[in-house]
Amino acid sequence: MPSKSKKTKATGRFGARYGRSVRIKTAGIEEKQRKKQKCPYCKKFGVKRLSKGIWHCRKCGKKFASDTYYLEGNK
């Protein structure tokens, strides 16, 4: 019998559904959106995603709209 493959990070919750490539792409996006981003105003790492396209810097207190999943300069 072949051995089971490991579940792909946060997308392991999907099980065998949706296909492998879709789950891998989703895992990459979710990993980027959950880490702290660099603030375009104060240039410090402290920006977190509040919701789709809404970001908040904990250092300088700015709230701004930008890209949906992660800030463009932090690829």
N, C-alpha and C. Protein backbone atom coordinates (compact mmCIF):
# COMPACT_ATOMS: atom_id res chain seq x y z
N MET A 1 0.82 -1.18 0.00
CA MET A 1 0.00 0.00 0.00
C MET A 1 0.87 1.25 0.00
N PRO A 2 0.50 2.25 -0.79
CA PRO A 2 1.26 3.49 -0.77
C PRO A 2 1.02 4.24 0.54
N SER A 3 2.02 4.98 0.96
CA SER A 3 1.87 5.73 2.20
C SER A 3 1.05 6.99 1.95
N LYS A 4 0.39 7.47 2.98
CA LYS A 4 -0.40 8.69 2.87
C LYS A 4 0.53 9.89 2.75
N SER A 5 0.13 10.86 1.93
CA SER A 5 0.93 12.08 1.83
C SER A 5 0.53 13.02 2.97
N LYS A 6 1.43 13.92 3.33
CA LYS A 6 1.14 14.87 4.39
C LYS A 6 0.09 15.87 3.94
N LYS A 7 -0.69 16.34 4.86
CA LYS A 7 -1.68 17.37 4.53
C LYS A 7 -0.94 18.69 4.32
N THR A 8 -1.41 19.47 3.42
CA THR A 8 -0.71 20.69 3.06
C THR A 8 -1.06 21.84 4.00
N LYS A 9 -0.27 22.04 5.01
CA LYS A 9 -0.34 23.16 5.94
C LYS A 9 -1.76 23.48 6.38
N ALA A 10 -2.19 24.72 6.22
CA ALA A 10 -3.51 25.15 6.69
C ALA A 10 -4.63 24.58 5.83
N THR A 11 -4.34 24.13 4.63
CA THR A 11 -5.39 23.62 3.76
C THR A 11 -5.64 22.13 3.98
N GLY A 12 -5.03 21.55 4.97
CA GLY A 12 -5.31 20.16 5.32
C GLY A 12 -6.75 19.97 5.75
N ARG A 13 -7.39 21.07 6.14
CA ARG A 13 -8.79 21.00 6.56
C ARG A 13 -9.73 20.64 5.42
N PHE A 14 -9.26 20.78 4.16
CA PHE A 14 -10.09 20.45 3.01
C PHE A 14 -10.08 18.96 2.69
N GLY A 15 -9.14 18.22 3.25
CA GLY A 15 -9.05 16.79 2.99
C GLY A 15 -8.69 16.51 1.54
N ALA A 16 -9.42 15.62 0.90
CA ALA A 16 -9.12 15.24 -0.49
C ALA A 16 -9.90 16.08 -1.49
N ARG A 17 -10.62 17.07 -1.04
CA ARG A 17 -11.46 17.87 -1.92
C ARG A 17 -10.69 18.97 -2.64
N TYR A 18 -11.18 19.43 -3.77
CA TYR A 18 -10.75 20.59 -4.54
C TYR A 18 -9.48 20.38 -5.36
N GLY A 19 -8.74 19.35 -5.20
CA GLY A 19 -7.54 19.11 -5.99
C GLY A 19 -6.27 19.64 -5.33
N ARG A 20 -5.17 19.02 -5.67
CA ARG A 20 -3.89 19.31 -5.02
C ARG A 20 -3.38 20.71 -5.34
N SER A 21 -3.41 21.10 -6.62
CA SER A 21 -2.84 22.39 -7.00
C SER A 21 -3.62 23.56 -6.39
N VAL A 22 -4.93 23.44 -6.30
CA VAL A 22 -5.74 24.49 -5.69
C VAL A 22 -5.41 24.62 -4.20
N ARG A 23 -5.25 23.48 -3.53
CA ARG A 23 -4.93 23.53 -2.10
C ARG A 23 -3.55 24.12 -1.85
N ILE A 24 -2.59 23.84 -2.72
CA ILE A 24 -1.23 24.38 -2.56
C ILE A 24 -1.24 25.90 -2.76
N LYS A 25 -1.96 26.37 -3.78
CA LYS A 25 -2.06 27.82 -4.01
C LYS A 25 -2.73 28.52 -2.85
N THR A 26 -3.79 27.92 -2.33
CA THR A 26 -4.50 28.50 -1.20
C THR A 26 -3.61 28.56 0.04
N ALA A 27 -2.81 27.52 0.26
CA ALA A 27 -1.90 27.51 1.41
C ALA A 27 -0.89 28.65 1.31
N GLY A 28 -0.38 28.91 0.11
CA GLY A 28 0.57 30.00 -0.08
C GLY A 28 -0.03 31.36 0.21
N ILE A 29 -1.24 31.57 -0.26
CA ILE A 29 -1.93 32.85 -0.03
C ILE A 29 -2.22 33.03 1.45
N GLU A 30 -2.73 31.99 2.11
CA GLU A 30 -3.06 32.10 3.53
C GLU A 30 -1.83 32.33 4.39
N GLU A 31 -0.72 31.74 4.02
CA GLU A 31 0.52 31.94 4.77
C GLU A 31 0.97 33.40 4.69
N LYS A 32 0.87 34.00 3.50
CA LYS A 32 1.27 35.39 3.32
C LYS A 32 0.34 36.35 4.04
N GLN A 33 -0.96 36.10 4.01
CA GLN A 33 -1.90 37.06 4.58
C GLN A 33 -1.90 37.06 6.10
N ARG A 34 -1.42 35.99 6.73
CA ARG A 34 -1.46 35.93 8.18
C ARG A 34 -0.20 36.46 8.86
N LYS A 35 0.86 36.68 8.11
CA LYS A 35 2.07 37.20 8.75
C LYS A 35 2.05 38.73 8.77
N LYS A 36 2.86 39.30 9.62
CA LYS A 36 2.93 40.75 9.73
C LYS A 36 3.59 41.33 8.49
N GLN A 37 3.05 42.43 8.04
CA GLN A 37 3.52 43.08 6.83
C GLN A 37 4.23 44.39 7.20
N LYS A 38 4.95 44.95 6.24
CA LYS A 38 5.67 46.20 6.45
C LYS A 38 4.76 47.38 6.13
N CYS A 39 4.67 48.31 7.06
CA CYS A 39 3.81 49.49 6.90
C CYS A 39 4.39 50.43 5.84
N PRO A 40 3.58 50.88 4.88
CA PRO A 40 4.08 51.82 3.87
C PRO A 40 4.31 53.22 4.42
N TYR A 41 3.79 53.52 5.61
CA TYR A 41 3.95 54.85 6.20
C TYR A 41 5.17 54.93 7.12
N CYS A 42 5.26 54.02 8.10
CA CYS A 42 6.35 54.10 9.07
C CYS A 42 7.46 53.09 8.79
N LYS A 43 7.28 52.20 7.81
CA LYS A 43 8.28 51.21 7.37
C LYS A 43 8.65 50.19 8.44
N LYS A 44 7.77 49.95 9.41
CA LYS A 44 8.03 48.95 10.44
C LYS A 44 7.08 47.77 10.25
N PHE A 45 7.50 46.61 10.73
CA PHE A 45 6.66 45.42 10.64
C PHE A 45 5.64 45.46 11.77
N GLY A 46 4.40 45.67 11.43
CA GLY A 46 3.36 45.71 12.44
C GLY A 46 1.99 45.77 11.82
N VAL A 47 1.92 45.68 10.50
CA VAL A 47 0.64 45.76 9.80
C VAL A 47 0.00 44.38 9.77
N LYS A 48 -1.25 44.32 10.15
CA LYS A 48 -2.01 43.07 10.06
C LYS A 48 -3.26 43.32 9.26
N ARG A 49 -3.74 42.25 8.65
CA ARG A 49 -4.94 42.32 7.81
C ARG A 49 -6.17 42.22 8.70
N LEU A 50 -7.08 43.19 8.61
CA LEU A 50 -8.31 43.16 9.38
C LEU A 50 -9.41 42.41 8.62
N SER A 51 -9.54 42.73 7.34
CA SER A 51 -10.49 42.04 6.47
C SER A 51 -10.03 42.25 5.03
N LYS A 52 -10.84 41.89 4.06
CA LYS A 52 -10.44 41.98 2.66
C LYS A 52 -10.02 43.40 2.31
N GLY A 53 -8.73 43.62 2.09
CA GLY A 53 -8.23 44.91 1.65
C GLY A 53 -8.10 45.96 2.73
N ILE A 54 -8.42 45.67 3.98
CA ILE A 54 -8.32 46.63 5.07
C ILE A 54 -7.16 46.22 5.96
N TRP A 55 -6.23 47.14 6.16
CA TRP A 55 -5.01 46.88 6.92
C TRP A 55 -4.88 47.88 8.06
N HIS A 56 -4.21 47.45 9.14
CA HIS A 56 -4.02 48.32 10.30
C HIS A 56 -2.60 48.16 10.81
N CYS A 57 -1.90 49.30 10.98
CA CYS A 57 -0.54 49.29 11.53
C CYS A 57 -0.63 49.48 13.03
N ARG A 58 -0.06 48.56 13.77
CA ARG A 58 -0.09 48.65 15.22
C ARG A 58 0.95 49.62 15.77
N LYS A 59 1.95 49.96 14.97
CA LYS A 59 3.00 50.86 15.43
C LYS A 59 2.58 52.32 15.33
N CYS A 60 2.11 52.73 14.13
CA CYS A 60 1.76 54.14 13.94
C CYS A 60 0.25 54.39 14.01
N GLY A 61 -0.55 53.32 14.06
CA GLY A 61 -1.99 53.46 14.22
C GLY A 61 -2.77 53.76 12.95
N LYS A 62 -2.11 53.75 11.80
CA LYS A 62 -2.80 54.03 10.53
C LYS A 62 -3.67 52.85 10.13
N LYS A 63 -4.83 53.14 9.57
CA LYS A 63 -5.69 52.13 8.97
C LYS A 63 -5.86 52.54 7.52
N PHE A 64 -5.62 51.61 6.60
CA PHE A 64 -5.66 51.96 5.19
C PHE A 64 -6.13 50.79 4.35
N ALA A 65 -6.49 51.12 3.10
CA ALA A 65 -6.93 50.11 2.15
C ALA A 65 -5.79 49.82 1.18
N SER A 66 -5.63 48.57 0.83
CA SER A 66 -4.58 48.18 -0.10
C SER A 66 -4.99 46.86 -0.74
N ASP A 67 -4.02 46.06 -1.12
CA ASP A 67 -4.30 44.78 -1.77
C ASP A 67 -5.08 43.84 -0.86
N THR A 68 -5.73 42.88 -1.46
CA THR A 68 -6.65 42.02 -0.73
C THR A 68 -5.97 41.08 0.25
N TYR A 69 -4.98 40.31 -0.21
CA TYR A 69 -4.41 39.26 0.63
C TYR A 69 -3.09 39.63 1.31
N TYR A 70 -2.23 40.36 0.63
CA TYR A 70 -0.96 40.79 1.22
C TYR A 70 -0.51 42.06 0.54
N LEU A 71 0.29 42.85 1.25
CA LEU A 71 0.74 44.12 0.69
C LEU A 71 1.73 43.86 -0.44
N GLU A 72 1.64 44.62 -1.48
CA GLU A 72 2.38 44.38 -2.72
C GLU A 72 3.89 44.38 -2.54
N GLY A 73 4.43 45.19 -1.66
CA GLY A 73 5.88 45.26 -1.48
C GLY A 73 6.47 44.10 -0.71
N ASN A 74 5.64 43.21 -0.16
CA ASN A 74 6.11 42.12 0.70
C ASN A 74 5.99 40.76 0.06
N LYS A 75 6.13 40.67 -1.23
CA LYS A 75 6.03 39.36 -1.90
C LYS A 75 7.18 38.54 -1.47
